[in-house]
Amino acid sequence: MLQVIIYDCDGVLIDSRESNQAFYNHILARFGLSPLTEAQLAVVHVSTAQGAIDYLFQGHPSREAAQAYQKTINNAPFLPLIRLEPNIREVLIRLRFRYRTAIATNRGKSLPLVLRNLGLDDLFDLTVSAYDVTRPKPHPECLEKILTYFRLEPEAALYIGDAALDQKVAKAAGVDFAAYKNPGLTARYHLESHVDLLAVLKL
C-alpha cells in the first residue's frame, strides 16, 4: 500500500529554470565565460551544483576556483526568479491527511531557503538534498535514504519527477514513477498538473 509521496524539486515543485540560468550565468561571467546555451541549461538544471560546475568548466583552468566560488554564493538574490508550480501547496495539504511526503533532489544548500521562501517548508516530513547523500542522482541513494527513514519497502513509495534522470533513479530504487509534464518518459502515471495526482489516488 502506498504510504509516501516523494517529489523531485526543480521542474516539479518549482519552476526554477530562469533562476538556475541566472545563477550559473553569474558564475560564468565572473570567470569570463559566455552565458549558458540552451543545451547547457538543460544539463545543469538537473545537476548538483558541483556537477554543473564540473560540466561547465571541464578542461578550464578555473574549475577549482569556480567550485569554491559557487559554495560561497548567497542564493537570496535568485529567489525572486523561482515560482511555485500551480496548485502544489493545495495538493500537498490534501496528501498529508493520508500520506507522508518527502523530497529527493539534486538541489543542494539552497533547498531549505527555497522551501521557506515559498511557504513549503512545513509540508514535508523529510527532505533529502545533494548535501544529504554521498552519491547524488542518478544514483538511487536519495530514494533509498527516504525508504530507510520511514522503514518502508519500495512498493510503498511513489516518486514524481520531470526528467529522464528521475525516471532512471526511480527504476534503480524499485519505486513507482509518475512523470510530471513530460509525456515522453516511461512512467506508471503521467501528470499534466498536480491536481491530476489527486484523481490517481482517488482523493
C-alpha atoms as a PDB file:
ATOM      1  CA  MET A   1       0.000   0.000   0.000  1.00  0.00           C
ATOM      2  CA  LEU A   2       1.278   3.433  -0.929  1.00  0.00           C
ATOM      3  CA  GLN A   3       2.493   5.353   2.127  1.00  0.00           C
ATOM      4  CA  VAL A   4       4.889   8.072   0.964  1.00  0.00           C
ATOM      5  CA  ILE A   5       4.815  10.508  -1.972  1.00  0.00           C
ATOM      6  CA  ILE A   6       8.308  11.689  -2.936  1.00  0.00           C
ATOM      7  CA  TYR A   7       8.903  14.746  -5.098  1.00  0.00           C
ATOM      8  CA  ASP A   8      11.783  15.982  -7.155  1.00  0.00           C
ATOM      9  CA  CYS A   9      12.165  19.728  -6.614  1.00  0.00           C
ATOM     10  CA  ASP A  10      13.196  21.703  -9.704  1.00  0.00           C
ATOM     11  CA  GLY A  11      10.684  21.413 -12.516  1.00  0.00           C
ATOM     12  CA  VAL A  12       8.161  19.632 -10.274  1.00  0.00           C
ATOM     13  CA  LEU A  13       7.561  21.628  -7.104  1.00  0.00           C
ATOM     14  CA  ILE A  14       9.002  24.813  -8.543  1.00  0.00           C
ATOM     15  CA  ASP A  15       9.730  26.465 -11.870  1.00  0.00           C
ATOM     16  CA  SER A  16      13.367  27.384 -11.312  1.00  0.00           C
ATOM     17  CA  ARG A  17      14.732  27.385 -14.851  1.00  0.00           C
ATOM     18  CA  GLU A  18      15.147  31.151 -15.012  1.00  0.00           C
ATOM     19  CA  SER A  19      16.710  31.238 -11.550  1.00  0.00           C
ATOM     20  CA  ASN A  20      19.180  28.457 -12.338  1.00  0.00           C
ATOM     21  CA  GLN A  21      20.077  30.165 -15.605  1.00  0.00           C
ATOM     22  CA  ALA A  22      20.839  33.419 -13.771  1.00  0.00           C
ATOM     23  CA  PHE A  23      22.824  31.593 -11.076  1.00  0.00           C
ATOM     24  CA  TYR A  24      25.145  29.801 -13.488  1.00  0.00           C
ATOM     25  CA  ASN A  25      25.434  32.779 -15.841  1.00  0.00           C
ATOM     26  CA  HIS A  26      26.634  34.787 -12.835  1.00  0.00           C
ATOM     27  CA  ILE A  27      29.385  32.240 -12.206  1.00  0.00           C
ATOM     28  CA  LEU A  28      30.344  32.005 -15.873  1.00  0.00           C
ATOM     29  CA  ALA A  29      30.559  35.804 -16.164  1.00  0.00           C
ATOM     30  CA  ARG A  30      32.778  36.024 -13.089  1.00  0.00           C
ATOM     31  CA  PHE A  31      35.319  33.803 -14.835  1.00  0.00           C
ATOM     32  CA  GLY A  32      34.991  35.472 -18.228  1.00  0.00           C
ATOM     33  CA  LEU A  33      32.976  32.763 -19.949  1.00  0.00           C
ATOM     34  CA  SER A  34      29.949  33.059 -22.238  1.00  0.00           C
ATOM     35  CA  PRO A  35      26.379  32.628 -20.929  1.00  0.00           C
ATOM     36  CA  LEU A  36      24.704  29.224 -20.928  1.00  0.00           C
ATOM     37  CA  THR A  37      23.452  27.754 -24.158  1.00  0.00           C
ATOM     38  CA  GLU A  38      20.058  26.041 -24.111  1.00  0.00           C
ATOM     39  CA  ALA A  39      21.820  22.665 -24.235  1.00  0.00           C
ATOM     40  CA  GLN A  40      23.984  23.558 -21.242  1.00  0.00           C
ATOM     41  CA  LEU A  41      20.975  24.843 -19.309  1.00  0.00           C
ATOM     42  CA  ALA A  42      19.187  21.527 -19.845  1.00  0.00           C
ATOM     43  CA  VAL A  43      22.138  19.704 -18.257  1.00  0.00           C
ATOM     44  CA  VAL A  44      22.785  21.980 -15.287  1.00  0.00           C
ATOM     45  CA  HIS A  45      19.055  22.239 -14.491  1.00  0.00           C
ATOM     46  CA  VAL A  46      19.036  18.605 -13.278  1.00  0.00           C
ATOM     47  CA  SER A  47      22.595  18.519 -11.879  1.00  0.00           C
ATOM     48  CA  THR A  48      24.064  19.179  -8.484  1.00  0.00           C
ATOM     49  CA  ALA A  49      25.890  22.499  -8.267  1.00  0.00           C
ATOM     50  CA  GLN A  50      29.195  20.626  -8.133  1.00  0.00           C
ATOM     51  CA  GLY A  51      28.263  18.510 -11.133  1.00  0.00           C
ATOM     52  CA  ALA A  52      27.139  21.574 -13.058  1.00  0.00           C
ATOM     53  CA  ILE A  53      30.426  23.389 -12.466  1.00  0.00           C
ATOM     54  CA  ASP A  54      32.437  20.296 -13.414  1.00  0.00           C
ATOM     55  CA  TYR A  55      30.429  20.150 -16.643  1.00  0.00           C
ATOM     56  CA  LEU A  56      30.632  23.865 -17.489  1.00  0.00           C
ATOM     57  CA  PHE A  57      34.321  24.216 -16.592  1.00  0.00           C
ATOM     58  CA  GLN A  58      35.551  20.894 -17.988  1.00  0.00           C
ATOM     59  CA  GLY A  59      39.183  21.389 -19.013  1.00  0.00           C
ATOM     60  CA  HIS A  60      39.152  25.017 -17.847  1.00  0.00           C
ATOM     61  CA  PRO A  61      41.956  26.212 -15.521  1.00  0.00           C
ATOM     62  CA  SER A  62      39.431  27.981 -13.262  1.00  0.00           C
ATOM     63  CA  ARG A  63      37.363  24.891 -12.494  1.00  0.00           C
ATOM     64  CA  GLU A  64      38.515  24.546  -8.877  1.00  0.00           C
ATOM     65  CA  ALA A  65      38.149  28.271  -8.286  1.00  0.00           C
ATOM     66  CA  ALA A  66      34.631  28.144  -9.713  1.00  0.00           C
ATOM     67  CA  GLN A  67      33.775  25.229  -7.427  1.00  0.00           C
ATOM     68  CA  ALA A  68      34.992  27.168  -4.410  1.00  0.00           C
ATOM     69  CA  TYR A  69      33.087  30.262  -5.520  1.00  0.00           C
ATOM     70  CA  GLN A  70      29.739  28.528  -6.061  1.00  0.00           C
ATOM     71  CA  LYS A  71      29.795  27.345  -2.443  1.00  0.00           C
ATOM     72  CA  THR A  72      30.026  30.938  -1.191  1.00  0.00           C
ATOM     73  CA  ILE A  73      27.243  32.463  -3.282  1.00  0.00           C
ATOM     74  CA  ASN A  74      24.264  33.919  -1.464  1.00  0.00           C
ATOM     75  CA  ASN A  75      21.223  32.351  -3.137  1.00  0.00           C
ATOM     76  CA  ALA A  76      18.790  35.015  -1.909  1.00  0.00           C
ATOM     77  CA  PRO A  77      19.082  37.304  -4.980  1.00  0.00           C
ATOM     78  CA  PHE A  78      17.980  34.443  -7.227  1.00  0.00           C
ATOM     79  CA  LEU A  79      14.868  33.528  -5.201  1.00  0.00           C
ATOM     80  CA  PRO A  80      12.522  36.082  -6.831  1.00  0.00           C
ATOM     81  CA  LEU A  81      13.015  34.236 -10.128  1.00  0.00           C
ATOM     82  CA  ILE A  82      11.564  30.997  -8.683  1.00  0.00           C
ATOM     83  CA  ARG A  83       7.829  30.310  -8.944  1.00  0.00           C
ATOM     84  CA  LEU A  84       5.708  27.576  -7.419  1.00  0.00           C
ATOM     85  CA  GLU A  85       4.138  25.094  -9.801  1.00  0.00           C
ATOM     86  CA  PRO A  86       0.345  25.616  -9.899  1.00  0.00           C
ATOM     87  CA  ASN A  87      -1.745  24.007  -7.149  1.00  0.00           C
ATOM     88  CA  ILE A  88       1.209  22.323  -5.459  1.00  0.00           C
ATOM     89  CA  ARG A  89       0.581  23.765  -1.997  1.00  0.00           C
ATOM     90  CA  GLU A  90      -3.101  22.805  -2.017  1.00  0.00           C
ATOM     91  CA  VAL A  91      -2.316  19.288  -3.246  1.00  0.00           C
ATOM     92  CA  LEU A  92       0.348  18.751  -0.594  1.00  0.00           C
ATOM     93  CA  ILE A  93      -2.075  19.785   2.134  1.00  0.00           C
ATOM     94  CA  ARG A  94      -4.598  17.239   0.857  1.00  0.00           C
ATOM     95  CA  LEU A  95      -1.988  14.490   0.566  1.00  0.00           C
ATOM     96  CA  ARG A  96      -0.771  14.884   4.117  1.00  0.00           C
ATOM     97  CA  PHE A  97      -4.091  13.719   5.542  1.00  0.00           C
ATOM     98  CA  ARG A  98      -3.269  10.236   4.235  1.00  0.00           C
ATOM     99  CA  TYR A  99       0.390  10.070   3.135  1.00  0.00           C
ATOM    100  CA  ARG A 100       3.841  11.067   4.232  1.00  0.00           C
ATOM    101  CA  THR A 101       5.574  13.487   1.891  1.00  0.00           C
ATOM    102  CA  ALA A 102       9.259  13.846   1.059  1.00  0.00           C
ATOM    103  CA  ILE A 103      11.684  15.461  -1.383  1.00  0.00           C
ATOM    104  CA  ALA A 104      14.587  13.784  -3.212  1.00  0.00           C
ATOM    105  CA  THR A 105      16.543  16.334  -5.217  1.00  0.00           C
ATOM    106  CA  ASN A 106      19.939  17.253  -6.595  1.00  0.00           C
ATOM    107  CA  ARG A 107      19.434  20.808  -5.341  1.00  0.00           C
ATOM    108  CA  GLY A 108      21.937  21.483  -2.561  1.00  0.00           C
ATOM    109  CA  LYS A 109      22.424  24.134   0.115  1.00  0.00           C
ATOM    110  CA  SER A 110      19.654  26.365  -1.230  1.00  0.00           C
ATOM    111  CA  LEU A 111      16.847  23.826  -0.673  1.00  0.00           C
ATOM    112  CA  PRO A 112      15.820  24.934   2.865  1.00  0.00           C
ATOM    113  CA  LEU A 113      15.922  28.585   1.789  1.00  0.00           C
ATOM    114  CA  VAL A 114      13.773  27.926  -1.285  1.00  0.00           C
ATOM    115  CA  LEU A 115      11.185  25.921   0.653  1.00  0.00           C
ATOM    116  CA  ARG A 116      10.978  28.505   3.412  1.00  0.00           C
ATOM    117  CA  ASN A 117      10.705  31.415   0.977  1.00  0.00           C
ATOM    118  CA  LEU A 118       7.860  29.737  -0.924  1.00  0.00           C
ATOM    119  CA  GLY A 119       6.000  28.537   2.162  1.00  0.00           C
ATOM    120  CA  LEU A 120       6.552  24.814   1.606  1.00  0.00           C
ATOM    121  CA  ASP A 121       8.899  24.068   4.485  1.00  0.00           C
ATOM    122  CA  ASP A 122       6.170  22.692   6.771  1.00  0.00           C
ATOM    123  CA  LEU A 123       4.608  20.427   4.131  1.00  0.00           C
ATOM    124  CA  PHE A 124       7.273  17.699   4.013  1.00  0.00           C
ATOM    125  CA  ASP A 125       8.181  15.045   6.564  1.00  0.00           C
ATOM    126  CA  LEU A 126      11.679  14.619   5.132  1.00  0.00           C
ATOM    127  CA  THR A 127      13.895  16.340   2.564  1.00  0.00           C
ATOM    128  CA  VAL A 128      16.974  14.748   1.009  1.00  0.00           C
ATOM    129  CA  SER A 129      19.194  17.089  -0.984  1.00  0.00           C
ATOM    130  CA  ALA A 130      22.530  16.630  -2.696  1.00  0.00           C
ATOM    131  CA  TYR A 131      24.117  17.672   0.602  1.00  0.00           C
ATOM    132  CA  ASP A 132      22.486  14.736   2.415  1.00  0.00           C
ATOM    133  CA  VAL A 133      23.906  11.913   0.277  1.00  0.00           C
ATOM    134  CA  THR A 134      27.329  10.741  -0.792  1.00  0.00           C
ATOM    135  CA  ARG A 135      26.062   9.755  -4.261  1.00  0.00           C
ATOM    136  CA  PRO A 136      23.502  12.160  -5.770  1.00  0.00           C
ATOM    137  CA  LYS A 137      21.169  11.288  -8.640  1.00  0.00           C
ATOM    138  CA  PRO A 138      21.419   9.322 -10.919  1.00  0.00           C
ATOM    139  CA  HIS A 139      22.348   7.038  -8.013  1.00  0.00           C
ATOM    140  CA  PRO A 140      19.197   5.982  -6.086  1.00  0.00           C
ATOM    141  CA  GLU A 141      20.695   6.766  -2.658  1.00  0.00           C
ATOM    142  CA  CYS A 142      18.283   9.678  -2.164  1.00  0.00           C
ATOM    143  CA  LEU A 143      15.236   7.406  -2.523  1.00  0.00           C
ATOM    144  CA  GLU A 144      16.845   4.598  -0.547  1.00  0.00           C
ATOM    145  CA  LYS A 145      17.523   7.018   2.305  1.00  0.00           C
ATOM    146  CA  ILE A 146      13.854   8.037   2.403  1.00  0.00           C
ATOM    147  CA  LEU A 147      12.675   4.419   2.391  1.00  0.00           C
ATOM    148  CA  THR A 148      15.071   3.589   5.216  1.00  0.00           C
ATOM    149  CA  TYR A 149      13.949   6.594   7.261  1.00  0.00           C
ATOM    150  CA  PHE A 150      10.283   5.584   7.041  1.00  0.00           C
ATOM    151  CA  ARG A 151      11.090   1.831   7.257  1.00  0.00           C
ATOM    152  CA  LEU A 152       9.243   1.147   4.011  1.00  0.00           C
ATOM    153  CA  GLU A 153       9.671  -1.195   1.066  1.00  0.00           C
ATOM    154  CA  PRO A 154       9.981   0.359  -2.429  1.00  0.00           C
ATOM    155  CA  GLU A 155       6.402  -0.557  -3.375  1.00  0.00           C
ATOM    156  CA  ALA A 156       5.150   1.768  -0.618  1.00  0.00           C
ATOM    157  CA  ALA A 157       6.552   4.841  -2.399  1.00  0.00           C
ATOM    158  CA  LEU A 158       5.787   6.931  -5.478  1.00  0.00           C
ATOM    159  CA  TYR A 159       8.396   9.291  -6.948  1.00  0.00           C
ATOM    160  CA  ILE A 160       7.288  12.287  -9.018  1.00  0.00           C
ATOM    161  CA  GLY A 161       9.824  13.751 -11.431  1.00  0.00           C
ATOM    162  CA  ASP A 162      10.055  15.568 -14.727  1.00  0.00           C
ATOM    163  CA  ALA A 163      13.295  14.304 -16.282  1.00  0.00           C
ATOM    164  CA  ALA A 164      14.874  11.143 -17.622  1.00  0.00           C
ATOM    165  CA  LEU A 165      17.233  11.330 -14.651  1.00  0.00           C
ATOM    166  CA  ASP A 166      14.257  10.957 -12.284  1.00  0.00           C
ATOM    167  CA  GLN A 167      12.882   8.029 -14.264  1.00  0.00           C
ATOM    168  CA  LYS A 168      16.261   6.312 -14.000  1.00  0.00           C
ATOM    169  CA  VAL A 169      16.513   6.897 -10.241  1.00  0.00           C
ATOM    170  CA  ALA A 170      13.011   5.546  -9.579  1.00  0.00           C
ATOM    171  CA  LYS A 171      13.730   2.419 -11.610  1.00  0.00           C
ATOM    172  CA  ALA A 172      17.028   1.824  -9.815  1.00  0.00           C
ATOM    173  CA  ALA A 173      15.293   2.094  -6.436  1.00  0.00           C
ATOM    174  CA  GLY A 174      12.371  -0.101  -7.471  1.00  0.00           C
ATOM    175  CA  VAL A 175       9.925   2.732  -6.816  1.00  0.00           C
ATOM    176  CA  ASP A 176       6.892   3.549  -8.984  1.00  0.00           C
ATOM    177  CA  PHE A 177       7.395   6.681 -11.072  1.00  0.00           C
ATOM    178  CA  ALA A 178       4.993   9.475 -12.004  1.00  0.00           C
ATOM    179  CA  ALA A 179       6.133  11.765 -14.830  1.00  0.00           C
ATOM    180  CA  TYR A 180       5.220  15.423 -14.395  1.00  0.00           C
ATOM    181  CA  LYS A 181       4.585  17.404 -17.604  1.00  0.00           C
ATOM    182  CA  ASN A 182       6.784  15.074 -19.655  1.00  0.00           C
ATOM    183  CA  PRO A 183       4.788  12.573 -21.739  1.00  0.00           C
ATOM    184  CA  GLY A 184       7.996  11.254 -23.307  1.00  0.00           C
ATOM    185  CA  LEU A 185       9.044   9.500 -20.115  1.00  0.00           C
ATOM    186  CA  THR A 186       8.171   5.918 -19.210  1.00  0.00           C
ATOM    187  CA  ALA A 187       6.059   6.054 -16.069  1.00  0.00           C
ATOM    188  CA  ARG A 188       3.221   4.368 -14.251  1.00  0.00           C
ATOM    189  CA  TYR A 189       1.373   7.677 -14.203  1.00  0.00           C
ATOM    190  CA  HIS A 190       1.573  10.825 -16.320  1.00  0.00           C
ATOM    191  CA  LEU A 191       0.568  14.078 -14.645  1.00  0.00           C
ATOM    192  CA  GLU A 192      -0.121  17.262 -16.557  1.00  0.00           C
ATOM    193  CA  SER A 193      -0.913  19.081 -13.329  1.00  0.00           C
ATOM    194  CA  HIS A 194      -0.509  18.359  -9.642  1.00  0.00           C
ATOM    195  CA  VAL A 195      -4.278  18.102  -9.326  1.00  0.00           C
ATOM    196  CA  ASP A 196      -4.076  15.003 -11.552  1.00  0.00           C
ATOM    197  CA  LEU A 197      -2.398  13.159  -8.677  1.00  0.00           C
ATOM    198  CA  LEU A 198      -5.490  13.573  -6.525  1.00  0.00           C
ATOM    199  CA  ALA A 199      -7.535  11.782  -9.179  1.00  0.00           C
ATOM    200  CA  VAL A 200      -4.940   8.997  -9.434  1.00  0.00           C
ATOM    201  CA  LEU A 201      -5.052   8.486  -5.678  1.00  0.00           C
ATOM    202  CA  LYS A 202      -8.840   8.975  -5.525  1.00  0.00           C
ATOM    203  CA  LEU A 203      -8.550  11.826  -3.009  1.00  0.00           C
END
